[in-house]
Amino acid sequence: MTIQDLQDELRSQVRARIARGDLTGSELARDAGFPQGHLSNFLNSRRGLSLESMDRLLRALKVGVLDLVSDEELQQRAPPRGEVEPVAVVSAENAALARFRADQVLEMRSFNAAFLRRLKPRVAVDRSDWQRFVLVRLDGRSASGMFSFAVGATLLVDRHYSSLQPYRRMHPNLYAVQIAERCVAAYISLCDNCLVLRPHGADPQVEIVRLARGRSYADYVIGRVCHVGLEV
């Protein structure tokens, strides 16, 4: 559906409401802040509306853009109910590989496809060739110490999110981070040429990792943790 299609549907709906006596053209023009001739030209298909003018008209009508889209169109574009997407489970030591061989995949698990599609990527380095979502199974070494999760816990990691920009305003991101041969889950920040890792939880202890020459913080970030699964 194009902008023109939306404007045609908006025009049709306004005409129908005026014909039913729900509103008048002069009232609508006043509420939207338009000259009446401006609205009349639109309704008579003599002109279109800018996006700003279209927003003003929608607000005056108290409707949204989705109210201009037919149920059939919405159904066609919505993912089928219950649609799932397979995500590979890998060990912590393989979590930073761009792609995985069959022998490096421990198992496949299904995630709701609509949930995965809602997640927004934000890269600090180009990872277009990386498999985006992966489940990292923490082993004894990665799940111990200051970054404590249960052994066997799985982290759903969006590896197309390597930026330090918060995903949600005022909420720090939890990252999967590759430190030497460990994969740890931590909140991270930069201080001079060091990466500061803060654990998930109330523990005030931090770990400081000096960035290697020629490497940026993004080289250590596997991705943003967007779901944690615990086996009980």
C-alpha atoms as a PDB file:
ATOM      1  CA  MET A   1       0.000   0.000   0.000  1.00  0.00           C
ATOM      2  CA  THR A   2       1.382   3.393  -1.048  1.00  0.00           C
ATOM      3  CA  ILE A   3       0.936   6.891   0.414  1.00  0.00           C
ATOM      4  CA  GLN A   4      -1.417   7.607  -2.472  1.00  0.00           C
ATOM      5  CA  ASP A   5      -3.512   4.555  -1.529  1.00  0.00           C
ATOM      6  CA  LEU A   6      -3.697   5.803   2.066  1.00  0.00           C
ATOM      7  CA  GLN A   7      -4.766   9.267   0.933  1.00  0.00           C
ATOM      8  CA  ASP A   8      -7.437   7.788  -1.343  1.00  0.00           C
ATOM      9  CA  GLU A   9      -8.811   5.749   1.571  1.00  0.00           C
ATOM     10  CA  LEU A  10      -8.699   8.778   3.880  1.00  0.00           C
ATOM     11  CA  ARG A  11     -10.541  10.840   1.260  1.00  0.00           C
ATOM     12  CA  SER A  12     -13.179   8.106   0.936  1.00  0.00           C
ATOM     13  CA  GLN A  13     -13.691   7.828   4.692  1.00  0.00           C
ATOM     14  CA  VAL A  14     -14.040  11.596   5.169  1.00  0.00           C
ATOM     15  CA  ARG A  15     -16.561  11.834   2.346  1.00  0.00           C
ATOM     16  CA  ALA A  16     -18.604   8.995   3.881  1.00  0.00           C
ATOM     17  CA  ARG A  17     -18.618  10.642   7.330  1.00  0.00           C
ATOM     18  CA  ILE A  18     -19.699  13.956   5.879  1.00  0.00           C
ATOM     19  CA  ALA A  19     -22.463  12.204   3.881  1.00  0.00           C
ATOM     20  CA  ARG A  20     -23.705  10.483   7.061  1.00  0.00           C
ATOM     21  CA  GLY A  21     -23.813  13.802   8.887  1.00  0.00           C
ATOM     22  CA  ASP A  22     -21.111  12.761  11.405  1.00  0.00           C
ATOM     23  CA  LEU A  23     -19.216  15.978  10.675  1.00  0.00           C
ATOM     24  CA  THR A  24     -19.066  18.878   8.257  1.00  0.00           C
ATOM     25  CA  GLY A  25     -16.253  19.993   6.013  1.00  0.00           C
ATOM     26  CA  SER A  26     -16.005  23.351   7.745  1.00  0.00           C
ATOM     27  CA  GLU A  27     -15.747  21.713  11.202  1.00  0.00           C
ATOM     28  CA  LEU A  28     -13.062  19.318  10.019  1.00  0.00           C
ATOM     29  CA  ALA A  29     -11.079  22.077   8.301  1.00  0.00           C
ATOM     30  CA  ARG A  30     -11.206  24.165  11.486  1.00  0.00           C
ATOM     31  CA  ASP A  31     -10.135  21.258  13.735  1.00  0.00           C
ATOM     32  CA  ALA A  32      -7.249  20.371  11.405  1.00  0.00           C
ATOM     33  CA  GLY A  33      -6.198  24.002  11.032  1.00  0.00           C
ATOM     34  CA  PHE A  34      -6.785  24.051   7.249  1.00  0.00           C
ATOM     35  CA  PRO A  35      -8.415  26.693   5.050  1.00  0.00           C
ATOM     36  CA  GLN A  36     -11.732  25.179   3.970  1.00  0.00           C
ATOM     37  CA  GLY A  37     -10.700  25.418   0.321  1.00  0.00           C
ATOM     38  CA  HIS A  38      -7.593  23.346   1.081  1.00  0.00           C
ATOM     39  CA  LEU A  39      -9.714  20.517   2.471  1.00  0.00           C
ATOM     40  CA  SER A  40     -12.248  20.851  -0.349  1.00  0.00           C
ATOM     41  CA  ASN A  41      -9.507  20.475  -2.963  1.00  0.00           C
ATOM     42  CA  PHE A  42      -8.268  17.347  -1.231  1.00  0.00           C
ATOM     43  CA  LEU A  43     -11.730  15.788  -0.976  1.00  0.00           C
ATOM     44  CA  ASN A  44     -12.395  16.527  -4.641  1.00  0.00           C
ATOM     45  CA  SER A  45      -9.077  14.924  -5.676  1.00  0.00           C
ATOM     46  CA  ARG A  46      -7.656  18.186  -6.959  1.00  0.00           C
ATOM     47  CA  ARG A  47      -4.642  17.968  -4.645  1.00  0.00           C
ATOM     48  CA  GLY A  48      -2.895  15.645  -2.239  1.00  0.00           C
ATOM     49  CA  LEU A  49      -1.694  16.258   1.301  1.00  0.00           C
ATOM     50  CA  SER A  50       1.810  16.526   2.685  1.00  0.00           C
ATOM     51  CA  LEU A  51       2.663  14.007   5.403  1.00  0.00           C
ATOM     52  CA  GLU A  52       2.392  16.792   7.997  1.00  0.00           C
ATOM     53  CA  SER A  53      -1.055  17.811   6.724  1.00  0.00           C
ATOM     54  CA  MET A  54      -2.147  14.184   6.636  1.00  0.00           C
ATOM     55  CA  ASP A  55      -1.098  13.773  10.278  1.00  0.00           C
ATOM     56  CA  ARG A  56      -3.103  16.869  11.238  1.00  0.00           C
ATOM     57  CA  LEU A  57      -6.178  15.531   9.468  1.00  0.00           C
ATOM     58  CA  LEU A  58      -5.850  12.110  11.115  1.00  0.00           C
ATOM     59  CA  ARG A  59      -5.569  13.747  14.544  1.00  0.00           C
ATOM     60  CA  ALA A  60      -8.639  15.861  13.876  1.00  0.00           C
ATOM     61  CA  LEU A  61     -10.557  12.714  12.877  1.00  0.00           C
ATOM     62  CA  LYS A  62      -9.133  10.836  15.907  1.00  0.00           C
ATOM     63  CA  VAL A  63      -7.965   7.905  13.754  1.00  0.00           C
ATOM     64  CA  GLY A  64      -4.594   6.346  13.002  1.00  0.00           C
ATOM     65  CA  VAL A  65      -2.901   5.171   9.822  1.00  0.00           C
ATOM     66  CA  LEU A  66      -3.903   1.557  10.506  1.00  0.00           C
ATOM     67  CA  ASP A  67      -7.550   2.649  10.370  1.00  0.00           C
ATOM     68  CA  LEU A  68      -6.953   3.352   6.681  1.00  0.00           C
ATOM     69  CA  VAL A  69      -5.720  -0.174   5.986  1.00  0.00           C
ATOM     70  CA  SER A  70      -8.208  -2.935   5.274  1.00  0.00           C
ATOM     71  CA  ASP A  71      -8.374  -6.002   7.495  1.00  0.00           C
ATOM     72  CA  GLU A  72      -7.432  -8.103   4.472  1.00  0.00           C
ATOM     73  CA  GLU A  73      -4.268  -6.059   3.891  1.00  0.00           C
ATOM     74  CA  LEU A  74      -3.297  -6.335   7.562  1.00  0.00           C
ATOM     75  CA  GLN A  75      -3.835 -10.091   7.527  1.00  0.00           C
ATOM     76  CA  GLN A  76      -1.634 -10.461   4.460  1.00  0.00           C
ATOM     77  CA  ARG A  77       1.225  -8.561   6.084  1.00  0.00           C
ATOM     78  CA  ALA A  78       0.976 -10.044   9.567  1.00  0.00           C
ATOM     79  CA  PRO A  79       3.054 -13.175  10.253  1.00  0.00           C
ATOM     80  CA  PRO A  80       0.910 -16.287  10.629  1.00  0.00           C
ATOM     81  CA  ARG A  81      -0.180 -16.923  14.190  1.00  0.00           C
ATOM     82  CA  GLY A  82       2.176 -19.229  15.960  1.00  0.00           C
ATOM     83  CA  GLU A  83       4.888 -18.836  13.314  1.00  0.00           C
ATOM     84  CA  VAL A  84       8.265 -19.776  14.781  1.00  0.00           C
ATOM     85  CA  GLU A  85      11.849 -19.304  13.691  1.00  0.00           C
ATOM     86  CA  PRO A  86      14.656 -21.764  14.474  1.00  0.00           C
ATOM     87  CA  VAL A  87      17.625 -20.397  16.423  1.00  0.00           C
ATOM     88  CA  ALA A  88      20.902 -22.290  16.816  1.00  0.00           C
ATOM     89  CA  VAL A  89      22.238 -23.122  20.281  1.00  0.00           C
ATOM     90  CA  VAL A  90      26.037 -22.921  20.439  1.00  0.00           C
ATOM     91  CA  SER A  91      28.661 -23.145  23.141  1.00  0.00           C
ATOM     92  CA  ALA A  92      30.186 -20.033  24.706  1.00  0.00           C
ATOM     93  CA  GLU A  93      33.499 -20.619  22.949  1.00  0.00           C
ATOM     94  CA  ASN A  94      31.857 -20.496  19.513  1.00  0.00           C
ATOM     95  CA  ALA A  95      29.506 -17.576  20.197  1.00  0.00           C
ATOM     96  CA  ALA A  96      31.630 -15.007  18.329  1.00  0.00           C
ATOM     97  CA  LEU A  97      31.828 -16.954  15.051  1.00  0.00           C
ATOM     98  CA  ALA A  98      30.051 -15.253  12.159  1.00  0.00           C
ATOM     99  CA  ARG A  99      28.510 -18.531  10.970  1.00  0.00           C
ATOM    100  CA  PHE A 100      28.348 -22.022  12.433  1.00  0.00           C
ATOM    101  CA  ARG A 101      29.181 -25.402  10.968  1.00  0.00           C
ATOM    102  CA  ALA A 102      26.741 -28.222  11.593  1.00  0.00           C
ATOM    103  CA  ASP A 103      29.062 -29.768  14.185  1.00  0.00           C
ATOM    104  CA  GLN A 104      29.185 -26.456  16.129  1.00  0.00           C
ATOM    105  CA  VAL A 105      25.397 -26.317  16.582  1.00  0.00           C
ATOM    106  CA  LEU A 106      24.371 -28.102  19.774  1.00  0.00           C
ATOM    107  CA  GLU A 107      20.668 -28.039  18.943  1.00  0.00           C
ATOM    108  CA  MET A 108      17.967 -25.862  17.396  1.00  0.00           C
ATOM    109  CA  ARG A 109      15.229 -24.156  19.402  1.00  0.00           C
ATOM    110  CA  SER A 110      12.138 -22.350  18.186  1.00  0.00           C
ATOM    111  CA  PHE A 111      11.338 -18.723  18.966  1.00  0.00           C
ATOM    112  CA  ASN A 112       8.239 -16.746  18.146  1.00  0.00           C
ATOM    113  CA  ALA A 113       8.977 -15.132  14.782  1.00  0.00           C
ATOM    114  CA  ALA A 114       6.972 -11.999  15.563  1.00  0.00           C
ATOM    115  CA  PHE A 115       9.078 -11.434  18.712  1.00  0.00           C
ATOM    116  CA  LEU A 116      12.342 -11.718  16.780  1.00  0.00           C
ATOM    117  CA  ARG A 117      11.127  -9.393  14.043  1.00  0.00           C
ATOM    118  CA  ARG A 118      10.235  -6.710  16.574  1.00  0.00           C
ATOM    119  CA  LEU A 119      13.808  -6.528  17.842  1.00  0.00           C
ATOM    120  CA  LYS A 120      15.694  -3.577  16.365  1.00  0.00           C
ATOM    121  CA  PRO A 121      19.351  -3.953  15.351  1.00  0.00           C
ATOM    122  CA  ARG A 122      21.997  -1.278  15.884  1.00  0.00           C
ATOM    123  CA  VAL A 123      25.491  -2.115  14.708  1.00  0.00           C
ATOM    124  CA  ALA A 124      28.758  -0.395  15.529  1.00  0.00           C
ATOM    125  CA  VAL A 125      30.620  -2.571  12.984  1.00  0.00           C
ATOM    126  CA  ASP A 126      29.422  -4.259   9.809  1.00  0.00           C
ATOM    127  CA  ARG A 127      28.011  -7.693  10.604  1.00  0.00           C
ATOM    128  CA  SER A 128      25.804  -8.226   7.579  1.00  0.00           C
ATOM    129  CA  ASP A 129      27.408 -11.647   7.056  1.00  0.00           C
ATOM    130  CA  TRP A 130      26.820 -12.743  10.675  1.00  0.00           C
ATOM    131  CA  GLN A 131      23.964 -15.034  11.561  1.00  0.00           C
ATOM    132  CA  ARG A 132      21.864 -12.575  13.526  1.00  0.00           C
ATOM    133  CA  PHE A 133      20.265 -14.490  16.405  1.00  0.00           C
ATOM    134  CA  VAL A 134      21.995 -17.199  18.406  1.00  0.00           C
ATOM    135  CA  LEU A 135      21.420 -18.935  21.713  1.00  0.00           C
ATOM    136  CA  VAL A 136      24.590 -19.158  23.767  1.00  0.00           C
ATOM    137  CA  ARG A 137      24.718 -21.982  26.295  1.00  0.00           C
ATOM    138  CA  LEU A 138      26.889 -21.004  29.243  1.00  0.00           C
ATOM    139  CA  ASP A 139      29.368 -23.561  30.479  1.00  0.00           C
ATOM    140  CA  GLY A 140      30.891 -23.780  33.963  1.00  0.00           C
ATOM    141  CA  ARG A 141      33.595 -21.230  33.252  1.00  0.00           C
ATOM    142  CA  SER A 142      31.322 -18.660  31.609  1.00  0.00           C
ATOM    143  CA  ALA A 143      28.547 -19.050  34.185  1.00  0.00           C
ATOM    144  CA  SER A 144      30.753 -18.667  37.230  1.00  0.00           C
ATOM    145  CA  GLY A 145      32.399 -15.828  39.106  1.00  0.00           C
ATOM    146  CA  MET A 146      31.134 -12.280  39.070  1.00  0.00           C
ATOM    147  CA  PHE A 147      28.958 -12.848  35.976  1.00  0.00           C
ATOM    148  CA  SER A 148      26.900 -15.577  37.567  1.00  0.00           C
ATOM    149  CA  PHE A 149      24.140 -17.314  35.667  1.00  0.00           C
ATOM    150  CA  ALA A 150      23.222 -20.923  36.169  1.00  0.00           C
ATOM    151  CA  VAL A 151      25.312 -23.466  34.280  1.00  0.00           C
ATOM    152  CA  GLY A 152      23.259 -24.493  31.261  1.00  0.00           C
ATOM    153  CA  ALA A 153      21.473 -21.129  31.017  1.00  0.00           C
ATOM    154  CA  THR A 154      20.966 -19.926  27.466  1.00  0.00           C
ATOM    155  CA  LEU A 155      21.245 -16.315  26.351  1.00  0.00           C
ATOM    156  CA  LEU A 156      19.356 -15.219  23.247  1.00  0.00           C
ATOM    157  CA  VAL A 157      21.803 -12.795  21.647  1.00  0.00           C
ATOM    158  CA  ASP A 158      21.085 -10.317  18.872  1.00  0.00           C
ATOM    159  CA  ARG A 159      24.502 -10.157  17.231  1.00  0.00           C
ATOM    160  CA  HIS A 160      23.407  -7.307  14.963  1.00  0.00           C
ATOM    161  CA  TYR A 161      23.253  -5.081  18.057  1.00  0.00           C
ATOM    162  CA  SER A 162      26.823  -4.108  18.968  1.00  0.00           C
ATOM    163  CA  SER A 163      26.253  -0.410  19.721  1.00  0.00           C
ATOM    164  CA  LEU A 164      26.438   1.010  23.242  1.00  0.00           C
ATOM    165  CA  GLN A 165      23.287   3.036  22.519  1.00  0.00           C
ATOM    166  CA  PRO A 166      20.560   1.910  24.969  1.00  0.00           C
ATOM    167  CA  TYR A 167      17.863  -0.227  23.359  1.00  0.00           C
ATOM    168  CA  ARG A 168      15.321   1.223  25.774  1.00  0.00           C
ATOM    169  CA  ARG A 169      15.699   4.758  27.028  1.00  0.00           C
ATOM    170  CA  MET A 170      17.290   5.009  30.477  1.00  0.00           C
ATOM    171  CA  HIS A 171      17.869   1.224  30.615  1.00  0.00           C
ATOM    172  CA  PRO A 172      21.391  -0.138  30.060  1.00  0.00           C
ATOM    173  CA  ASN A 173      21.829  -3.056  27.692  1.00  0.00           C
ATOM    174  CA  LEU A 174      23.000  -6.450  28.871  1.00  0.00           C
ATOM    175  CA  TYR A 175      25.606  -7.797  26.453  1.00  0.00           C
ATOM    176  CA  ALA A 176      27.282 -11.074  25.685  1.00  0.00           C
ATOM    177  CA  VAL A 177      30.986 -10.192  25.673  1.00  0.00           C
ATOM    178  CA  GLN A 178      33.992 -12.219  24.480  1.00  0.00           C
ATOM    179  CA  ILE A 179      36.863 -11.863  26.957  1.00  0.00           C
ATOM    180  CA  ALA A 180      39.834 -14.066  26.044  1.00  0.00           C
ATOM    181  CA  GLU A 181      38.148 -17.472  25.660  1.00  0.00           C
ATOM    182  CA  ARG A 182      35.214 -16.639  27.939  1.00  0.00           C
ATOM    183  CA  CYS A 183      31.767 -15.455  26.995  1.00  0.00           C
ATOM    184  CA  VAL A 184      30.262 -13.395  29.810  1.00  0.00           C
ATOM    185  CA  ALA A 185      27.020 -11.462  30.263  1.00  0.00           C
ATOM    186  CA  ALA A 186      27.592  -7.928  31.524  1.00  0.00           C
ATOM    187  CA  TYR A 187      26.638  -4.272  31.323  1.00  0.00           C
ATOM    188  CA  ILE A 188      29.500  -2.419  29.654  1.00  0.00           C
ATOM    189  CA  SER A 189      30.889   1.081  29.387  1.00  0.00           C
ATOM    190  CA  LEU A 190      34.070   2.692  28.078  1.00  0.00           C
ATOM    191  CA  CYS A 191      36.667   4.490  30.171  1.00  0.00           C
ATOM    192  CA  ASP A 192      39.741   5.790  28.358  1.00  0.00           C
ATOM    193  CA  ASN A 193      40.988   2.768  26.430  1.00  0.00           C
ATOM    194  CA  CYS A 194      39.339   0.221  28.698  1.00  0.00           C
ATOM    195  CA  LEU A 195      36.137  -1.755  28.665  1.00  0.00           C
ATOM    196  CA  VAL A 196      34.379  -1.742  32.031  1.00  0.00           C
ATOM    197  CA  LEU A 197      32.187  -4.790  32.671  1.00  0.00           C
ATOM    198  CA  ARG A 198      29.549  -4.611  35.390  1.00  0.00           C
ATOM    199  CA  PRO A 199      27.743  -7.786  36.437  1.00  0.00           C
ATOM    200  CA  HIS A 200      24.051  -8.469  36.181  1.00  0.00           C
ATOM    201  CA  GLY A 201      22.738  -8.080  39.725  1.00  0.00           C
ATOM    202  CA  ALA A 202      23.553  -6.032  42.792  1.00  0.00           C
ATOM    203  CA  ASP A 203      27.248  -7.009  43.056  1.00  0.00           C
ATOM    204  CA  PRO A 204      29.282  -3.747  42.859  1.00  0.00           C
ATOM    205  CA  GLN A 205      32.396  -5.556  41.611  1.00  0.00           C
ATOM    206  CA  VAL A 206      33.541  -4.701  38.069  1.00  0.00           C
ATOM    207  CA  GLU A 207      36.090  -6.137  35.673  1.00  0.00           C
ATOM    208  CA  ILE A 208      38.269  -3.838  33.569  1.00  0.00           C
ATOM    209  CA  VAL A 209      39.655  -5.035  30.242  1.00  0.00           C
ATOM    210  CA  ARG A 210      42.191  -2.942  28.345  1.00  0.00           C
ATOM    211  CA  LEU A 211      41.405  -2.818  24.636  1.00  0.00           C
ATOM    212  CA  ALA A 212      44.089  -4.439  22.529  1.00  0.00           C
ATOM    213  CA  ARG A 213      45.947  -2.226  20.076  1.00  0.00           C
ATOM    214  CA  GLY A 214      43.921  -1.667  16.922  1.00  0.00           C
ATOM    215  CA  ARG A 215      40.719  -3.087  18.400  1.00  0.00           C
ATOM    216  CA  SER A 216      37.535  -1.258  19.362  1.00  0.00           C
ATOM    217  CA  TYR A 217      35.014  -2.139  22.043  1.00  0.00           C
ATOM    218  CA  ALA A 218      32.715  -3.588  19.348  1.00  0.00           C
ATOM    219  CA  ASP A 219      35.287  -6.303  18.637  1.00  0.00           C
ATOM    220  CA  TYR A 220      34.589  -7.678  22.127  1.00  0.00           C
ATOM    221  CA  VAL A 221      30.802  -7.399  21.958  1.00  0.00           C
ATOM    222  CA  ILE A 222      29.063 -10.513  20.663  1.00  0.00           C
ATOM    223  CA  GLY A 223      25.652  -8.871  20.859  1.00  0.00           C
ATOM    224  CA  ARG A 224      22.812  -7.654  23.029  1.00  0.00           C
ATOM    225  CA  VAL A 225      21.177 -10.202  25.337  1.00  0.00           C
ATOM    226  CA  CYS A 226      17.439 -10.007  24.695  1.00  0.00           C
ATOM    227  CA  HIS A 227      16.237 -13.128  26.532  1.00  0.00           C
ATOM    228  CA  VAL A 228      17.635 -15.435  29.230  1.00  0.00           C
ATOM    229  CA  GLY A 229      16.429 -19.011  29.577  1.00  0.00           C
ATOM    230  CA  LEU A 230      17.172 -21.078  32.690  1.00  0.00           C
ATOM    231  CA  GLU A 231      16.937 -24.837  32.858  1.00  0.00           C
ATOM    232  CA  VAL A 232      15.461 -26.159  36.119  1.00  0.00           C
END
